Amino acid sequence: MAFSVLELKRWERDLDAFLARRRPPPSIRNELDVGYRIDKQSIEIVEIRPDWHDPGTMHERPFARITYVRSGSYWKLYWMRASLKWHSYEPQATTRHLSEALDAIDRDDYCCFFG
């Protein structure tokens, strides 16, 4: 089941605050940027870069996924390994609030998200 309109508005506020902290300076955003996309019960944080051969084409590469488990009212945090498979982020695999998951990504204690 997808997020409700009220949930989307609440979580977009948290996501926008996260992006305000993590986006690169405006002068280089056409070469590297950070964004998000929402699909059903998951939010993916993506890196946005132009294609090497066609700079007019932008590519989004997800590096973090936060999935809401409605039955338990908690969020699960994942990171993408070099194998392109999602793995649970063990230092803080679940949180009660989206903002806590975004803070874990921002801190990046194990250098899984930003290197």
PDB file of N, CA and C in Angstrom:
ATOM      1  N   MET A   1       0.830  -1.165   0.000  1.00  0.00           N
ATOM      2  CA  MET A   1       0.000   0.000   0.000  1.00  0.00           C
ATOM      3  C   MET A   1       0.887   1.245   0.000  1.00  0.00           C
ATOM      4  N   ALA A   2       0.589   2.185  -0.855  1.00  0.00           N
ATOM      5  CA  ALA A   2       1.379   3.405  -0.978  1.00  0.00           C
ATOM      6  C   ALA A   2       1.135   4.333   0.206  1.00  0.00           C
ATOM      7  N   PHE A   3       2.005   5.320   0.344  1.00  0.00           N
ATOM      8  CA  PHE A   3       1.862   6.312   1.390  1.00  0.00           C
ATOM      9  C   PHE A   3       0.633   7.175   1.133  1.00  0.00           C
ATOM     10  N   SER A   4      -0.003   7.645   2.199  1.00  0.00           N
ATOM     11  CA  SER A   4      -1.123   8.570   2.057  1.00  0.00           C
ATOM     12  C   SER A   4      -0.571   9.965   1.755  1.00  0.00           C
ATOM     13  N   VAL A   5      -1.442  10.865   1.319  1.00  0.00           N
ATOM     14  CA  VAL A   5      -1.034  12.235   1.002  1.00  0.00           C
ATOM     15  C   VAL A   5      -0.492  12.928   2.255  1.00  0.00           C
ATOM     16  N   LEU A   6      -1.110  12.716   3.400  1.00  0.00           N
ATOM     17  CA  LEU A   6      -0.648  13.317   4.646  1.00  0.00           C
ATOM     18  C   LEU A   6       0.743  12.793   5.018  1.00  0.00           C
ATOM     19  N   GLU A   7       0.949  11.485   4.894  1.00  0.00           N
ATOM     20  CA  GLU A   7       2.261  10.902   5.177  1.00  0.00           C
ATOM     21  C   GLU A   7       3.317  11.470   4.238  1.00  0.00           C
ATOM     22  N   LEU A   8       2.986  11.565   2.962  1.00  0.00           N
ATOM     23  CA  LEU A   8       3.938  12.106   1.991  1.00  0.00           C
ATOM     24  C   LEU A   8       4.370  13.522   2.358  1.00  0.00           C
ATOM     25  N   LYS A   9       3.437  14.363   2.727  1.00  0.00           N
ATOM     26  CA  LYS A   9       3.770  15.739   3.092  1.00  0.00           C
ATOM     27  C   LYS A   9       4.682  15.785   4.316  1.00  0.00           C
ATOM     28  N   ARG A  10       4.381  14.954   5.297  1.00  0.00           N
ATOM     29  CA  ARG A  10       5.186  14.917   6.523  1.00  0.00           C
ATOM     30  C   ARG A  10       6.608  14.442   6.215  1.00  0.00           C
ATOM     31  N   TRP A  11       6.729  13.398   5.406  1.00  0.00           N
ATOM     32  CA  TRP A  11       8.040  12.833   5.131  1.00  0.00           C
ATOM     33  C   TRP A  11       8.825  13.653   4.115  1.00  0.00           C
ATOM     34  N   GLU A  12       8.146  14.342   3.211  1.00  0.00           N
ATOM     35  CA  GLU A  12       8.856  15.221   2.286  1.00  0.00           C
ATOM     36  C   GLU A  12       9.551  16.351   3.044  1.00  0.00           C
ATOM     37  N   ARG A  13       8.966  16.808   4.145  1.00  0.00           N
ATOM     38  CA  ARG A  13       9.599  17.834   4.969  1.00  0.00           C
ATOM     39  C   ARG A  13      10.926  17.309   5.539  1.00  0.00           C
ATOM     40  N   ASP A  14      10.930  16.076   6.054  1.00  0.00           N
ATOM     41  CA  ASP A  14      12.160  15.481   6.573  1.00  0.00           C
ATOM     42  C   ASP A  14      13.183  15.266   5.457  1.00  0.00           C
ATOM     43  N   LEU A  15      12.726  14.801   4.308  1.00  0.00           N
ATOM     44  CA  LEU A  15      13.620  14.556   3.181  1.00  0.00           C
ATOM     45  C   LEU A  15      14.228  15.859   2.665  1.00  0.00           C
ATOM     46  N   ASP A  16      13.437  16.914   2.593  1.00  0.00           N
ATOM     47  CA  ASP A  16      13.955  18.203   2.139  1.00  0.00           C
ATOM     48  C   ASP A  16      14.994  18.761   3.109  1.00  0.00           C
ATOM     49  N   ALA A  17      14.791  18.562   4.405  1.00  0.00           N
ATOM     50  CA  ALA A  17      15.781  19.000   5.399  1.00  0.00           C
ATOM     51  C   ALA A  17      17.080  18.207   5.242  1.00  0.00           C
ATOM     52  N   PHE A  18      16.964  16.910   4.977  1.00  0.00           N
ATOM     53  CA  PHE A  18      18.144  16.067   4.742  1.00  0.00           C
ATOM     54  C   PHE A  18      18.900  16.551   3.512  1.00  0.00           C
ATOM     55  N   LEU A  19      18.170  16.811   2.420  1.00  0.00           N
ATOM     56  CA  LEU A  19      18.819  17.268   1.189  1.00  0.00           C
ATOM     57  C   LEU A  19      19.489  18.627   1.382  1.00  0.00           C
ATOM     58  N   ALA A  20      18.890  19.489   2.173  1.00  0.00           N
ATOM     59  CA  ALA A  20      19.490  20.802   2.426  1.00  0.00           C
ATOM     60  C   ALA A  20      20.871  20.657   3.066  1.00  0.00           C
ATOM     61  N   ARG A  21      21.054  19.600   3.865  1.00  0.00           N
ATOM     62  CA  ARG A  21      22.352  19.358   4.508  1.00  0.00           C
ATOM     63  C   ARG A  21      23.341  18.664   3.580  1.00  0.00           C
ATOM     64  N   ARG A  22      22.860  17.768   2.704  1.00  0.00           N
ATOM     65  CA  ARG A  22      23.756  16.896   1.952  1.00  0.00           C
ATOM     66  C   ARG A  22      24.003  17.273   0.490  1.00  0.00           C
ATOM     67  N   ARG A  23      23.198  18.155  -0.077  1.00  0.00           N
ATOM     68  CA  ARG A  23      23.403  18.498  -1.482  1.00  0.00           C
ATOM     69  C   ARG A  23      24.703  19.273  -1.654  1.00  0.00           C
ATOM     70  N   PRO A  24      25.374  19.071  -2.793  1.00  0.00           N
ATOM     71  CA  PRO A  24      26.601  19.832  -3.052  1.00  0.00           C
ATOM     72  C   PRO A  24      26.274  21.298  -3.354  1.00  0.00           C
ATOM     73  N   PRO A  25      27.291  22.142  -3.430  1.00  0.00           N
ATOM     74  CA  PRO A  25      27.047  23.556  -3.736  1.00  0.00           C
ATOM     75  C   PRO A  25      26.348  23.728  -5.089  1.00  0.00           C
ATOM     76  N   PRO A  26      25.533  24.768  -5.233  1.00  0.00           N
ATOM     77  CA  PRO A  26      24.792  24.974  -6.494  1.00  0.00           C
ATOM     78  C   PRO A  26      25.680  25.030  -7.739  1.00  0.00           C
ATOM     79  N   SER A  27      26.917  25.452  -7.580  1.00  0.00           N
ATOM     80  CA  SER A  27      27.810  25.580  -8.743  1.00  0.00           C
ATOM     81  C   SER A  27      28.161  24.242  -9.392  1.00  0.00           C
ATOM     82  N   ILE A  28      28.050  23.129  -8.665  1.00  0.00           N
ATOM     83  CA  ILE A  28      28.396  21.831  -9.256  1.00  0.00           C
ATOM     84  C   ILE A  28      27.206  20.870  -9.361  1.00  0.00           C
ATOM     85  N   ARG A  29      26.019  21.324  -9.055  1.00  0.00           N
ATOM     86  CA  ARG A  29      24.857  20.426  -9.069  1.00  0.00           C
ATOM     87  C   ARG A  29      24.527  19.887 -10.451  1.00  0.00           C
ATOM     88  N   ASN A  30      24.987  20.531 -11.516  1.00  0.00           N
ATOM     89  CA  ASN A  30      24.751  19.967 -12.850  1.00  0.00           C
ATOM     90  C   ASN A  30      25.707  18.803 -13.126  1.00  0.00           C
ATOM     91  N   GLU A  31      26.743  18.642 -12.301  1.00  0.00           N
ATOM     92  CA  GLU A  31      27.687  17.532 -12.434  1.00  0.00           C
ATOM     93  C   GLU A  31      27.467  16.445 -11.380  1.00  0.00           C
ATOM     94  N   LEU A  32      26.958  16.828 -10.225  1.00  0.00           N
ATOM     95  CA  LEU A  32      26.715  15.875  -9.130  1.00  0.00           C
ATOM     96  C   LEU A  32      25.630  16.450  -8.237  1.00  0.00           C
ATOM     97  N   ASP A  33      24.633  15.649  -7.952  1.00  0.00           N
ATOM     98  CA  ASP A  33      23.563  16.092  -7.069  1.00  0.00           C
ATOM     99  C   ASP A  33      23.030  14.891  -6.295  1.00  0.00           C
ATOM    100  N   VAL A  34      22.249  15.171  -5.269  1.00  0.00           N
ATOM    101  CA  VAL A  34      21.616  14.132  -4.460  1.00  0.00           C
ATOM    102  C   VAL A  34      20.125  14.432  -4.438  1.00  0.00           C
ATOM    103  N   GLY A  35      19.317  13.378  -4.590  1.00  0.00           N
ATOM    104  CA  GLY A  35      17.869  13.536  -4.568  1.00  0.00           C
ATOM    105  C   GLY A  35      17.219  12.304  -3.960  1.00  0.00           C
ATOM    106  N   TYR A  36      15.929  12.185  -4.139  1.00  0.00           N
ATOM    107  CA  TYR A  36      15.215  11.018  -3.634  1.00  0.00           C
ATOM    108  C   TYR A  36      14.053  10.698  -4.557  1.00  0.00           C
ATOM    109  N   ARG A  37      13.594   9.469  -4.468  1.00  0.00           N
ATOM    110  CA  ARG A  37      12.381   9.050  -5.170  1.00  0.00           C
ATOM    111  C   ARG A  37      11.599   8.144  -4.233  1.00  0.00           C
ATOM    112  N   ILE A  38      10.288   8.231  -4.367  1.00  0.00           N
ATOM    113  CA  ILE A  38       9.395   7.461  -3.507  1.00  0.00           C
ATOM    114  C   ILE A  38       8.652   6.461  -4.364  1.00  0.00           C
ATOM    115  N   ASP A  39       8.676   5.197  -3.948  1.00  0.00           N
ATOM    116  CA  ASP A  39       7.977   4.137  -4.674  1.00  0.00           C
ATOM    117  C   ASP A  39       7.280   3.240  -3.661  1.00  0.00           C
ATOM    118  N   LYS A  40       5.966   3.267  -3.658  1.00  0.00           N
ATOM    119  CA  LYS A  40       5.142   2.483  -2.735  1.00  0.00           C
ATOM    120  C   LYS A  40       5.544   2.765  -1.299  1.00  0.00           C
ATOM    121  N   GLN A  41       6.140   1.799  -0.597  1.00  0.00           N
ATOM    122  CA  GLN A  41       6.493   1.946   0.814  1.00  0.00           C
ATOM    123  C   GLN A  41       7.982   2.250   1.013  1.00  0.00           C
ATOM    124  N   SER A  42       8.698   2.567  -0.068  1.00  0.00           N
ATOM    125  CA  SER A  42      10.141   2.788   0.032  1.00  0.00           C
ATOM    126  C   SER A  42      10.544   4.162  -0.471  1.00  0.00           C
ATOM    127  N   ILE A  43      11.586   4.679   0.132  1.00  0.00           N
ATOM    128  CA  ILE A  43      12.210   5.923  -0.289  1.00  0.00           C
ATOM    129  C   ILE A  43      13.656   5.586  -0.633  1.00  0.00           C
ATOM    130  N   GLU A  44      14.081   5.956  -1.826  1.00  0.00           N
ATOM    131  CA  GLU A  44      15.463   5.746  -2.221  1.00  0.00           C
ATOM    132  C   GLU A  44      16.170   7.090  -2.308  1.00  0.00           C
ATOM    133  N   ILE A  45      17.339   7.161  -1.699  1.00  0.00           N
ATOM    134  CA  ILE A  45      18.197   8.337  -1.817  1.00  0.00           C
ATOM    135  C   ILE A  45      19.130   8.045  -2.988  1.00  0.00           C
ATOM    136  N   VAL A  46      19.192   8.972  -3.945  1.00  0.00           N
ATOM    137  CA  VAL A  46      19.923   8.717  -5.188  1.00  0.00           C
ATOM    138  C   VAL A  46      20.994   9.777  -5.430  1.00  0.00           C
ATOM    139  N   GLU A  47      22.032   9.336  -6.113  1.00  0.00           N
ATOM    140  CA  GLU A  47      23.061  10.232  -6.628  1.00  0.00           C
ATOM    141  C   GLU A  47      22.689  10.523  -8.078  1.00  0.00           C
ATOM    142  N   ILE A  48      22.741  11.782  -8.478  1.00  0.00           N
ATOM    143  CA  ILE A  48      22.352  12.187  -9.822  1.00  0.00           C
ATOM    144  C   ILE A  48      23.582  12.742 -10.534  1.00  0.00           C
ATOM    145  N   ARG A  49      23.923  12.108 -11.664  1.00  0.00           N
ATOM    146  CA  ARG A  49      25.096  12.514 -12.449  1.00  0.00           C
ATOM    147  C   ARG A  49      24.757  12.472 -13.933  1.00  0.00           C
ATOM    148  N   PRO A  50      25.455  13.272 -14.755  1.00  0.00           N
ATOM    149  CA  PRO A  50      25.251  13.184 -16.195  1.00  0.00           C
ATOM    150  C   PRO A  50      25.948  11.946 -16.758  1.00  0.00           C
ATOM    151  N   ASP A  51      25.452  11.471 -17.883  1.00  0.00           N
ATOM    152  CA  ASP A  51      26.072  10.349 -18.585  1.00  0.00           C
ATOM    153  C   ASP A  51      27.441  10.787 -19.115  1.00  0.00           C
ATOM    154  N   TRP A  52      28.410   9.878 -19.113  1.00  0.00           N
ATOM    155  CA  TRP A  52      29.760  10.217 -19.580  1.00  0.00           C
ATOM    156  C   TRP A  52      29.768  10.554 -21.069  1.00  0.00           C
ATOM    157  N   HIS A  53      28.985   9.834 -21.853  1.00  0.00           N
ATOM    158  CA  HIS A  53      28.998  10.018 -23.311  1.00  0.00           C
ATOM    159  C   HIS A  53      27.984  11.046 -23.787  1.00  0.00           C
ATOM    160  N   ASP A  54      26.928  11.257 -23.025  1.00  0.00           N
ATOM    161  CA  ASP A  54      25.880  12.199 -23.392  1.00  0.00           C
ATOM    162  C   ASP A  54      25.527  13.039 -22.169  1.00  0.00           C
ATOM    163  N   PRO A  55      26.218  14.168 -21.968  1.00  0.00           N
ATOM    164  CA  PRO A  55      25.990  14.975 -20.768  1.00  0.00           C
ATOM    165  C   PRO A  55      24.563  15.489 -20.612  1.00  0.00           C
ATOM    166  N   GLY A  56      23.776  15.449 -21.663  1.00  0.00           N
ATOM    167  CA  GLY A  56      22.388  15.876 -21.574  1.00  0.00           C
ATOM    168  C   GLY A  56      21.497  14.851 -20.888  1.00  0.00           C
ATOM    169  N   THR A  57      21.977  13.622 -20.752  1.00  0.00           N
ATOM    170  CA  THR A  57      21.225  12.543 -20.115  1.00  0.00           C
ATOM    171  C   THR A  57      21.698  12.379 -18.678  1.00  0.00           C
ATOM    172  N   MET A  58      20.756  12.464 -17.745  1.00  0.00           N
ATOM    173  CA  MET A  58      21.105  12.325 -16.328  1.00  0.00           C
ATOM    174  C   MET A  58      20.769  10.912 -15.851  1.00  0.00           C
ATOM    175  N   HIS A  59      21.624  10.375 -14.986  1.00  0.00           N
ATOM    176  CA  HIS A  59      21.414   9.049 -14.407  1.00  0.00           C
ATOM    177  C   HIS A  59      21.232   9.178 -12.893  1.00  0.00           C
ATOM    178  N   GLU A  60      20.324   8.392 -12.353  1.00  0.00           N
ATOM    179  CA  GLU A  60      20.117   8.325 -10.912  1.00  0.00           C
ATOM    180  C   GLU A  60      20.582   6.965 -10.422  1.00  0.00           C
ATOM    181  N   ARG A  61      21.497   6.972  -9.450  1.00  0.00           N
ATOM    182  CA  ARG A  61      22.007   5.731  -8.868  1.00  0.00           C
ATOM    183  C   ARG A  61      21.635   5.712  -7.394  1.00  0.00           C
ATOM    184  N   PRO A  62      20.744   4.788  -7.002  1.00  0.00           N
ATOM    185  CA  PRO A  62      20.370   4.725  -5.587  1.00  0.00           C
ATOM    186  C   PRO A  62      21.514   4.200  -4.731  1.00  0.00           C
ATOM    187  N   PHE A  63      21.662   4.766  -3.527  1.00  0.00           N
ATOM    188  CA  PHE A  63      22.683   4.274  -2.608  1.00  0.00           C
ATOM    189  C   PHE A  63      22.130   4.011  -1.211  1.00  0.00           C
ATOM    190  N   ALA A  64      20.906   4.436  -0.951  1.00  0.00           N
ATOM    191  CA  ALA A  64      20.259   4.160   0.336  1.00  0.00           C
ATOM    192  C   ALA A  64      18.773   3.933   0.091  1.00  0.00           C
ATOM    193  N   ARG A  65      18.209   2.996   0.827  1.00  0.00           N
ATOM    194  CA  ARG A  65      16.771   2.719   0.745  1.00  0.00           C
ATOM    195  C   ARG A  65      16.212   2.643   2.160  1.00  0.00           C
ATOM    196  N   ILE A  66      15.096   3.325   2.339  1.00  0.00           N
ATOM    197  CA  ILE A  66      14.406   3.307   3.631  1.00  0.00           C
ATOM    198  C   ILE A  66      12.995   2.807   3.353  1.00  0.00           C
ATOM    199  N   THR A  67      12.634   1.681   3.936  1.00  0.00           N
ATOM    200  CA  THR A  67      11.338   1.060   3.686  1.00  0.00           C
ATOM    201  C   THR A  67      10.496   1.097   4.956  1.00  0.00           C
ATOM    202  N   TYR A  68       9.246   1.518   4.796  1.00  0.00           N
ATOM    203  CA  TYR A  68       8.335   1.584   5.934  1.00  0.00           C
ATOM    204  C   TYR A  68       7.597   0.266   6.078  1.00  0.00           C
ATOM    205  N   VAL A  69       7.621  -0.298   7.270  1.00  0.00           N
ATOM    206  CA  VAL A  69       6.900  -1.523   7.584  1.00  0.00           C
ATOM    207  C   VAL A  69       5.667  -1.092   8.368  1.00  0.00           C
ATOM    208  N   ARG A  70       4.557  -1.025   7.671  1.00  0.00           N
ATOM    209  CA  ARG A  70       3.330  -0.503   8.270  1.00  0.00           C
ATOM    210  C   ARG A  70       2.825  -1.377   9.415  1.00  0.00           C
ATOM    211  N   SER A  71       2.964  -2.705   9.292  1.00  0.00           N
ATOM    212  CA  SER A  71       2.459  -3.599  10.336  1.00  0.00           C
ATOM    213  C   SER A  71       3.167  -3.395  11.673  1.00  0.00           C
ATOM    214  N   GLY A  72       4.425  -2.951  11.635  1.00  0.00           N
ATOM    215  CA  GLY A  72       5.168  -2.725  12.867  1.00  0.00           C
ATOM    216  C   GLY A  72       5.428  -1.266  13.155  1.00  0.00           C
ATOM    217  N   SER A  73       5.022  -0.385  12.257  1.00  0.00           N
ATOM    218  CA  SER A  73       5.227   1.060  12.394  1.00  0.00           C
ATOM    219  C   SER A  73       6.699   1.421  12.612  1.00  0.00           C
ATOM    220  N   TYR A  74       7.573   0.892  11.772  1.00  0.00           N
ATOM    221  CA  TYR A  74       8.990   1.237  11.843  1.00  0.00           C
ATOM    222  C   TYR A  74       9.582   1.293  10.441  1.00  0.00           C
ATOM    223  N   TRP A  75      10.768   1.871  10.348  1.00  0.00           N
ATOM    224  CA  TRP A  75      11.494   2.017   9.086  1.00  0.00           C
ATOM    225  C   TRP A  75      12.694   1.077   9.081  1.00  0.00           C
ATOM    226  N   LYS A  76      12.978   0.462   7.930  1.00  0.00           N
ATOM    227  CA  LYS A  76      14.159  -0.375   7.756  1.00  0.00           C
ATOM    228  C   LYS A  76      15.114   0.348   6.817  1.00  0.00           C
ATOM    229  N   LEU A  77      16.382   0.386   7.193  1.00  0.00           N
ATOM    230  CA  LEU A  77      17.397   1.105   6.428  1.00  0.00           C
ATOM    231  C   LEU A  77      18.319   0.116   5.725  1.00  0.00           C
ATOM    232  N   TYR A  78      18.552   0.357   4.433  1.00  0.00           N
ATOM    233  CA  TYR A  78      19.407  -0.502   3.610  1.00  0.00           C
ATOM    234  C   TYR A  78      20.459   0.338   2.904  1.00  0.00           C
ATOM    235  N   TRP A  79      21.572  -0.300   2.565  1.00  0.00           N
ATOM    236  CA  TRP A  79      22.597   0.332   1.737  1.00  0.00           C
ATOM    237  C   TRP A  79      22.936  -0.610   0.597  1.00  0.00           C
ATOM    238  N   MET A  80      23.398  -0.065  -0.515  1.00  0.00           N
ATOM    239  CA  MET A  80      23.705  -0.889  -1.681  1.00  0.00           C
ATOM    240  C   MET A  80      25.201  -1.172  -1.729  1.00  0.00           C
ATOM    241  N   ARG A  81      25.511  -2.458  -1.775  1.00  0.00           N
ATOM    242  CA  ARG A  81      26.907  -2.884  -1.871  1.00  0.00           C
ATOM    243  C   ARG A  81      27.369  -2.807  -3.319  1.00  0.00           C
ATOM    244  N   ALA A  82      28.630  -3.055  -3.563  1.00  0.00           N
ATOM    245  CA  ALA A  82      29.188  -3.024  -4.915  1.00  0.00           C
ATOM    246  C   ALA A  82      28.551  -4.088  -5.799  1.00  0.00           C
ATOM    247  N   SER A  83      27.960  -5.117  -5.197  1.00  0.00           N
ATOM    248  CA  SER A  83      27.281  -6.173  -5.956  1.00  0.00           C
ATOM    249  C   SER A  83      25.923  -5.704  -6.482  1.00  0.00           C
ATOM    250  N   LEU A  84      25.538  -4.460  -6.153  1.00  0.00           N
ATOM    251  CA  LEU A  84      24.249  -3.863  -6.520  1.00  0.00           C
ATOM    252  C   LEU A  84      23.074  -4.547  -5.821  1.00  0.00           C
ATOM    253  N   LYS A  85      23.341  -5.146  -4.671  1.00  0.00           N
ATOM    254  CA  LYS A  85      22.286  -5.758  -3.862  1.00  0.00           C
ATOM    255  C   LYS A  85      22.130  -4.961  -2.576  1.00  0.00           C
ATOM    256  N   TRP A  86      20.884  -4.883  -2.115  1.00  0.00           N
ATOM    257  CA  TRP A  86      20.582  -4.138  -0.896  1.00  0.00           C
ATOM    258  C   TRP A  86      20.888  -4.988   0.333  1.00  0.00           C
ATOM    259  N   HIS A  87      21.527  -4.360   1.317  1.00  0.00           N
ATOM    260  CA  HIS A  87      21.859  -5.021   2.576  1.00  0.00           C
ATOM    261  C   HIS A  87      21.410  -4.144   3.733  1.00  0.00           C
ATOM    262  N   SER A  88      20.969  -4.784   4.780  1.00  0.00           N
ATOM    263  CA  SER A  88      20.537  -4.066   5.976  1.00  0.00           C
ATOM    264  C   SER A  88      21.721  -3.288   6.554  1.00  0.00           C
ATOM    265  N   TYR A  89      21.476  -2.059   6.964  1.00  0.00           N
ATOM    266  CA  TYR A  89      22.519  -1.221   7.544  1.00  0.00           C
ATOM    267  C   TYR A  89      22.604  -1.551   9.031  1.00  0.00           C
ATOM    268  N   GLU A  90      23.538  -2.404   9.370  1.00  0.00           N
ATOM    269  CA  GLU A  90      23.598  -2.999  10.710  1.00  0.00           C
ATOM    270  C   GLU A  90      23.770  -2.030  11.871  1.00  0.00           C
ATOM    271  N   PRO A  91      24.500  -0.941  11.744  1.00  0.00           N
ATOM    272  CA  PRO A  91      24.581  -0.076  12.925  1.00  0.00           C
ATOM    273  C   PRO A  91      23.219   0.451  13.379  1.00  0.00           C
ATOM    274  N   GLN A  92      22.291   0.615  12.439  1.00  0.00           N
ATOM    275  CA  GLN A  92      20.955   1.096  12.791  1.00  0.00           C
ATOM    276  C   GLN A  92      19.983   0.573  11.730  1.00  0.00           C
ATOM    277  N   ALA A  93      19.673  -0.707  11.801  1.00  0.00           N
ATOM    278  CA  ALA A  93      18.856  -1.362  10.778  1.00  0.00           C
ATOM    279  C   ALA A  93      17.397  -0.919  10.806  1.00  0.00           C
ATOM    280  N   THR A  94      16.862  -0.582  11.973  1.00  0.00           N
ATOM    281  CA  THR A  94      15.466  -0.141  12.066  1.00  0.00           C
ATOM    282  C   THR A  94      15.384   1.104  12.941  1.00  0.00           C
ATOM    283  N   THR A  95      14.398   1.942  12.616  1.00  0.00           N
ATOM    284  CA  THR A  95      14.145   3.140  13.403  1.00  0.00           C
ATOM    285  C   THR A  95      12.637   3.346  13.486  1.00  0.00           C
ATOM    286  N   ARG A  96      12.211   4.103  14.452  1.00  0.00           N
ATOM    287  CA  ARG A  96      10.781   4.413  14.598  1.00  0.00           C
ATOM    288  C   ARG A  96      10.372   5.601  13.736  1.00  0.00           C
ATOM    289  N   HIS A  97      11.338   6.487  13.422  1.00  0.00           N
ATOM    290  CA  HIS A  97      11.017   7.705  12.692  1.00  0.00           C
ATOM    291  C   HIS A  97      11.916   7.838  11.465  1.00  0.00           C
ATOM    292  N   LEU A  98      11.377   8.376  10.398  1.00  0.00           N
ATOM    293  CA  LEU A  98      12.146   8.589   9.175  1.00  0.00           C
ATOM    294  C   LEU A  98      13.341   9.497   9.442  1.00  0.00           C
ATOM    295  N   SER A  99      13.163  10.515  10.251  1.00  0.00           N
ATOM    296  CA  SER A  99      14.255  11.450  10.532  1.00  0.00           C
ATOM    297  C   SER A  99      15.457  10.736  11.169  1.00  0.00           C
ATOM    298  N   GLU A 100      15.213   9.694  11.971  1.00  0.00           N
ATOM    299  CA  GLU A 100      16.311   8.932  12.571  1.00  0.00           C
ATOM    300  C   GLU A 100      17.087   8.168  11.510  1.00  0.00           C
ATOM    301  N   ALA A 101      16.383   7.598  10.537  1.00  0.00           N
ATOM    302  CA  ALA A 101      17.048   6.885   9.449  1.00  0.00           C
ATOM    303  C   ALA A 101      17.866   7.860   8.601  1.00  0.00           C
ATOM    304  N   LEU A 102      17.312   9.029   8.323  1.00  0.00           N
ATOM    305  CA  LEU A 102      18.036  10.037   7.552  1.00  0.00           C
ATOM    306  C   LEU A 102      19.261  10.538   8.311  1.00  0.00           C
ATOM    307  N   ASP A 103      19.160  10.660   9.624  1.00  0.00           N
ATOM    308  CA  ASP A 103      20.315  11.050  10.442  1.00  0.00           C
ATOM    309  C   ASP A 103      21.410   9.985  10.377  1.00  0.00           C
ATOM    310  N   ALA A 104      21.025   8.711  10.376  1.00  0.00           N
ATOM    311  CA  ALA A 104      22.007   7.623  10.266  1.00  0.00           C
ATOM    312  C   ALA A 104      22.722   7.690   8.916  1.00  0.00           C
ATOM    313  N   ILE A 105      21.980   7.989   7.854  1.00  0.00           N
ATOM    314  CA  ILE A 105      22.607   8.147   6.538  1.00  0.00           C
ATOM    315  C   ILE A 105      23.539   9.343   6.553  1.00  0.00           C
ATOM    316  N   ASP A 106      23.106  10.435   7.132  1.00  0.00           N
ATOM    317  CA  ASP A 106      23.908  11.656   7.188  1.00  0.00           C
ATOM    318  C   ASP A 106      25.201  11.442   7.969  1.00  0.00           C
ATOM    319  N   ARG A 107      25.128  10.743   9.105  1.00  0.00           N
ATOM    320  CA  ARG A 107      26.328  10.453   9.918  1.00  0.00           C
ATOM    321  C   ARG A 107      27.252   9.495   9.169  1.00  0.00           C
ATOM    322  N   ASP A 108      26.681   8.477   8.541  1.00  0.00           N
ATOM    323  CA  ASP A 108      27.433   7.491   7.757  1.00  0.00           C
ATOM    324  C   ASP A 108      28.609   6.915   8.547  1.00  0.00           C
ATOM    325  N   ASP A 109      28.314   6.404   9.744  1.00  0.00           N
ATOM    326  CA  ASP A 109      29.351   5.905  10.652  1.00  0.00           C
ATOM    327  C   ASP A 109      30.277   4.865  10.020  1.00  0.00           C
ATOM    328  N   TYR A 110      29.773   4.004   9.150  1.00  0.00           N
ATOM    329  CA  TYR A 110      30.571   2.940   8.549  1.00  0.00           C
ATOM    330  C   TYR A 110      30.967   3.248   7.104  1.00  0.00           C
ATOM    331  N   CYS A 111      30.756   4.480   6.650  1.00  0.00           N
ATOM    332  CA  CYS A 111      31.128   4.925   5.300  1.00  0.00           C
ATOM    333  C   CYS A 111      30.474   4.065   4.208  1.00  0.00           C
ATOM    334  N   CYS A 112      29.233   3.681   4.411  1.00  0.00           N
ATOM    335  CA  CYS A 112      28.511   2.880   3.439  1.00  0.00           C
ATOM    336  C   CYS A 112      27.783   3.743   2.403  1.00  0.00           C
ATOM    337  N   PHE A 113      27.434   4.954   2.742  1.00  0.00           N
ATOM    338  CA  PHE A 113      26.611   5.780   1.870  1.00  0.00           C
ATOM    339  C   PHE A 113      27.407   6.800   1.077  1.00  0.00           C
ATOM    340  N   PHE A 114      28.324   7.500   1.726  1.00  0.00           N
ATOM    341  CA  PHE A 114      29.045   8.576   1.066  1.00  0.00           C
ATOM    342  C   PHE A 114      30.554   8.293   0.943  1.00  0.00           C
ATOM    343  N   GLY A 115      30.972   7.103   1.338  1.00  0.00           N
ATOM    344  CA  GLY A 115      32.356   6.722   1.155  1.00  0.00           C
ATOM    345  C   GLY A 115      33.312   7.164   2.202  1.00  0.00           C
TER     346      GLY A 115
END
